[in-house]
N, C-alpha and C. Protein backbone atom coordinates (compact mmCIF):
# COMPACT_ATOMS: atom_id res chain seq x y z
N UNK A 1 0.83 -1.20 0.00
CA UNK A 1 0.00 0.00 0.00
C UNK A 1 0.87 1.25 0.00
N UNK A 2 0.49 2.22 -0.76
CA UNK A 2 1.18 3.50 -0.76
C UNK A 2 0.81 4.29 0.48
N UNK A 3 1.79 4.93 1.10
CA UNK A 3 1.52 5.78 2.25
C UNK A 3 1.20 5.04 3.53
N UNK A 4 1.39 3.73 3.55
CA UNK A 4 1.10 2.96 4.75
C UNK A 4 2.14 3.28 5.82
N UNK A 5 1.67 3.49 7.03
CA UNK A 5 2.56 3.78 8.16
C UNK A 5 2.69 2.52 8.99
N UNK A 6 3.90 2.08 9.16
CA UNK A 6 4.16 0.89 9.96
C UNK A 6 4.65 1.31 11.33
N UNK A 7 4.07 0.73 12.38
CA UNK A 7 4.48 1.02 13.74
C UNK A 7 4.92 -0.27 14.40
N UNK A 8 5.83 -0.12 15.35
CA UNK A 8 6.38 -1.27 16.03
C UNK A 8 6.65 -0.89 17.48
N UNK A 9 6.18 -1.68 18.42
CA UNK A 9 6.46 -1.44 19.83
C UNK A 9 7.87 -1.92 20.12
N UNK A 10 8.72 -1.01 20.56
CA UNK A 10 10.11 -1.35 20.86
C UNK A 10 10.25 -1.97 22.24
N UNK A 11 9.52 -1.41 23.23
CA UNK A 11 9.50 -2.00 24.56
C UNK A 11 8.34 -1.40 25.33
N UNK A 12 7.88 -2.12 26.34
CA UNK A 12 6.83 -1.64 27.23
C UNK A 12 7.52 -1.10 28.47
N UNK A 13 7.26 0.15 28.80
CA UNK A 13 7.89 0.78 29.96
C UNK A 13 7.29 0.24 31.25
N UNK A 14 8.12 0.02 32.24
CA UNK A 14 7.68 -0.47 33.54
C UNK A 14 7.56 0.71 34.51
N UNK A 15 6.76 0.53 35.54
CA UNK A 15 6.59 1.52 36.60
C UNK A 15 6.15 2.89 36.08
N UNK A 16 5.20 2.88 35.14
CA UNK A 16 4.62 4.11 34.60
C UNK A 16 3.20 4.22 35.13
N UNK A 17 2.85 5.39 35.65
CA UNK A 17 1.51 5.62 36.19
C UNK A 17 0.81 6.69 35.36
N UNK A 18 -0.36 6.39 34.86
CA UNK A 18 -1.17 7.34 34.11
C UNK A 18 -1.97 8.17 35.11
N UNK A 19 -1.86 9.51 35.04
CA UNK A 19 -2.53 10.40 35.99
C UNK A 19 -3.21 11.55 35.25
N UNK A 20 -4.21 12.11 35.89
CA UNK A 20 -4.90 13.30 35.38
C UNK A 20 -4.63 14.42 36.37
N UNK A 21 -4.06 15.53 35.89
CA UNK A 21 -3.72 16.65 36.78
C UNK A 21 -4.45 17.91 36.33
N UNK A 22 -4.66 18.83 37.26
CA UNK A 22 -5.16 20.16 36.92
C UNK A 22 -3.92 21.02 36.71
N UNK A 23 -3.57 21.27 35.47
CA UNK A 23 -2.31 21.93 35.11
C UNK A 23 -2.55 23.40 34.79
N UNK A 24 -1.76 24.27 35.40
CA UNK A 24 -1.84 25.71 35.13
C UNK A 24 -0.73 26.11 34.17
N UNK A 25 -1.09 26.90 33.19
CA UNK A 25 -0.14 27.36 32.17
C UNK A 25 -0.20 28.88 32.09
N UNK A 26 0.99 29.51 32.13
CA UNK A 26 1.08 30.95 31.96
C UNK A 26 1.34 31.23 30.48
N UNK A 27 0.40 31.92 29.83
CA UNK A 27 0.50 32.24 28.40
C UNK A 27 0.79 33.72 28.21
N UNK A 28 1.83 34.19 28.86
CA UNK A 28 2.17 35.61 28.76
C UNK A 28 1.30 36.43 29.67
N UNK A 29 0.31 37.10 29.13
CA UNK A 29 -0.57 37.95 29.93
C UNK A 29 -1.82 37.21 30.40
N UNK A 30 -1.88 35.92 30.18
CA UNK A 30 -3.07 35.13 30.54
C UNK A 30 -2.63 33.83 31.21
N UNK A 31 -3.37 33.44 32.25
CA UNK A 31 -3.12 32.16 32.92
C UNK A 31 -4.34 31.28 32.73
N UNK A 32 -4.11 30.05 32.28
CA UNK A 32 -5.20 29.09 32.09
C UNK A 32 -4.87 27.81 32.84
N UNK A 33 -5.92 27.08 33.19
CA UNK A 33 -5.72 25.76 33.77
C UNK A 33 -6.69 24.79 33.12
N UNK A 34 -6.29 23.53 33.05
CA UNK A 34 -7.13 22.51 32.44
C UNK A 34 -6.70 21.14 32.95
N UNK A 35 -7.64 20.22 32.97
CA UNK A 35 -7.29 18.84 33.27
C UNK A 35 -6.41 18.32 32.14
N UNK A 36 -5.29 17.72 32.50
CA UNK A 36 -4.30 17.31 31.52
C UNK A 36 -3.85 15.88 31.81
N UNK A 37 -3.87 15.05 30.80
CA UNK A 37 -3.41 13.67 30.92
C UNK A 37 -1.88 13.66 30.98
N UNK A 38 -1.34 13.00 32.00
CA UNK A 38 0.11 12.93 32.21
C UNK A 38 0.51 11.52 32.60
N UNK A 39 1.81 11.28 32.59
CA UNK A 39 2.35 10.05 33.17
C UNK A 39 3.34 10.44 34.26
N UNK A 40 3.42 9.61 35.28
CA UNK A 40 4.45 9.75 36.29
C UNK A 40 5.45 8.64 35.98
N UNK A 41 6.68 9.05 35.68
CA UNK A 41 7.70 8.09 35.26
C UNK A 41 9.05 8.52 35.82
N UNK A 42 9.68 7.63 36.55
CA UNK A 42 10.99 7.88 37.15
C UNK A 42 11.01 9.19 37.95
N UNK A 43 9.95 9.42 38.74
CA UNK A 43 9.87 10.60 39.60
C UNK A 43 9.51 11.89 38.90
N UNK A 44 9.15 11.80 37.62
CA UNK A 44 8.80 13.00 36.85
C UNK A 44 7.35 12.92 36.39
N UNK A 45 6.71 14.07 36.28
CA UNK A 45 5.36 14.15 35.72
C UNK A 45 5.50 14.73 34.31
N UNK A 46 5.06 13.96 33.33
CA UNK A 46 5.24 14.35 31.93
C UNK A 46 3.86 14.46 31.28
N UNK A 47 3.47 15.65 30.82
CA UNK A 47 2.17 15.82 30.17
C UNK A 47 2.12 15.10 28.82
N UNK A 48 0.94 14.59 28.48
CA UNK A 48 0.73 13.92 27.20
C UNK A 48 -0.10 14.76 26.24
N UNK A 49 -0.65 15.86 26.74
CA UNK A 49 -1.33 16.82 25.88
C UNK A 49 -1.14 18.22 26.45
N UNK A 50 -1.34 19.23 25.60
CA UNK A 50 -1.15 20.60 26.06
C UNK A 50 -2.33 21.05 26.90
N UNK A 51 -2.06 21.82 27.93
CA UNK A 51 -3.13 22.30 28.81
C UNK A 51 -3.93 23.42 28.16
N UNK A 52 -3.32 24.17 27.24
CA UNK A 52 -4.04 25.33 26.70
C UNK A 52 -4.97 24.96 25.55
N UNK A 53 -4.70 23.89 24.79
CA UNK A 53 -5.65 23.54 23.72
C UNK A 53 -5.85 22.03 23.55
N UNK A 54 -5.24 21.21 24.42
CA UNK A 54 -5.51 19.79 24.42
C UNK A 54 -4.83 18.98 23.33
N UNK A 55 -3.95 19.60 22.54
CA UNK A 55 -3.26 18.85 21.48
C UNK A 55 -2.32 17.82 22.10
N UNK A 56 -2.23 16.63 21.49
CA UNK A 56 -1.30 15.63 22.01
C UNK A 56 0.15 16.05 21.80
N UNK A 57 1.01 15.67 22.75
CA UNK A 57 2.44 15.93 22.63
C UNK A 57 3.18 14.63 22.94
N UNK A 58 4.41 14.53 22.49
CA UNK A 58 5.20 13.34 22.74
C UNK A 58 5.64 13.27 24.19
N UNK A 59 5.72 12.06 24.72
CA UNK A 59 6.19 11.86 26.08
C UNK A 59 7.71 11.98 26.09
N UNK A 60 8.21 13.17 26.36
CA UNK A 60 9.65 13.42 26.41
C UNK A 60 10.01 13.95 27.79
N UNK A 61 11.14 13.51 28.30
CA UNK A 61 11.55 13.95 29.63
C UNK A 61 11.78 15.45 29.69
N UNK A 62 12.14 16.09 28.57
CA UNK A 62 12.33 17.55 28.60
C UNK A 62 11.01 18.30 28.78
N UNK A 63 9.87 17.61 28.64
CA UNK A 63 8.57 18.22 28.91
C UNK A 63 8.12 18.00 30.36
N UNK A 64 8.96 17.37 31.17
CA UNK A 64 8.59 17.04 32.55
C UNK A 64 8.36 18.31 33.37
N UNK A 65 7.44 18.19 34.31
CA UNK A 65 7.08 19.29 35.21
C UNK A 65 7.38 18.83 36.64
N UNK A 66 8.04 19.65 37.45
CA UNK A 66 8.26 19.25 38.84
C UNK A 66 6.91 19.03 39.54
N UNK A 67 6.80 17.93 40.27
CA UNK A 67 5.52 17.60 40.90
C UNK A 67 5.16 18.54 42.03
N UNK A 68 6.12 19.04 42.75
CA UNK A 68 5.84 19.91 43.90
C UNK A 68 6.45 21.29 43.65
N UNK A 69 5.92 22.02 42.64
CA UNK A 69 6.50 23.32 42.35
C UNK A 69 5.66 24.44 42.90
């Protein structure tokens, strides 16, 4: 098939917790908050979608948010 996307699971991560948080985002002159799907992994909370418009984002450690900030 033309344009077919093939995906492959490389590994299943262990000790990952799926959580829903009320995340606050500062957008310059405006502050918004929204329920945001996140994972808790290796002591970090990593959002899986943006709080300001709900778009999905990749689970990357550089997107991690300190849990007690």
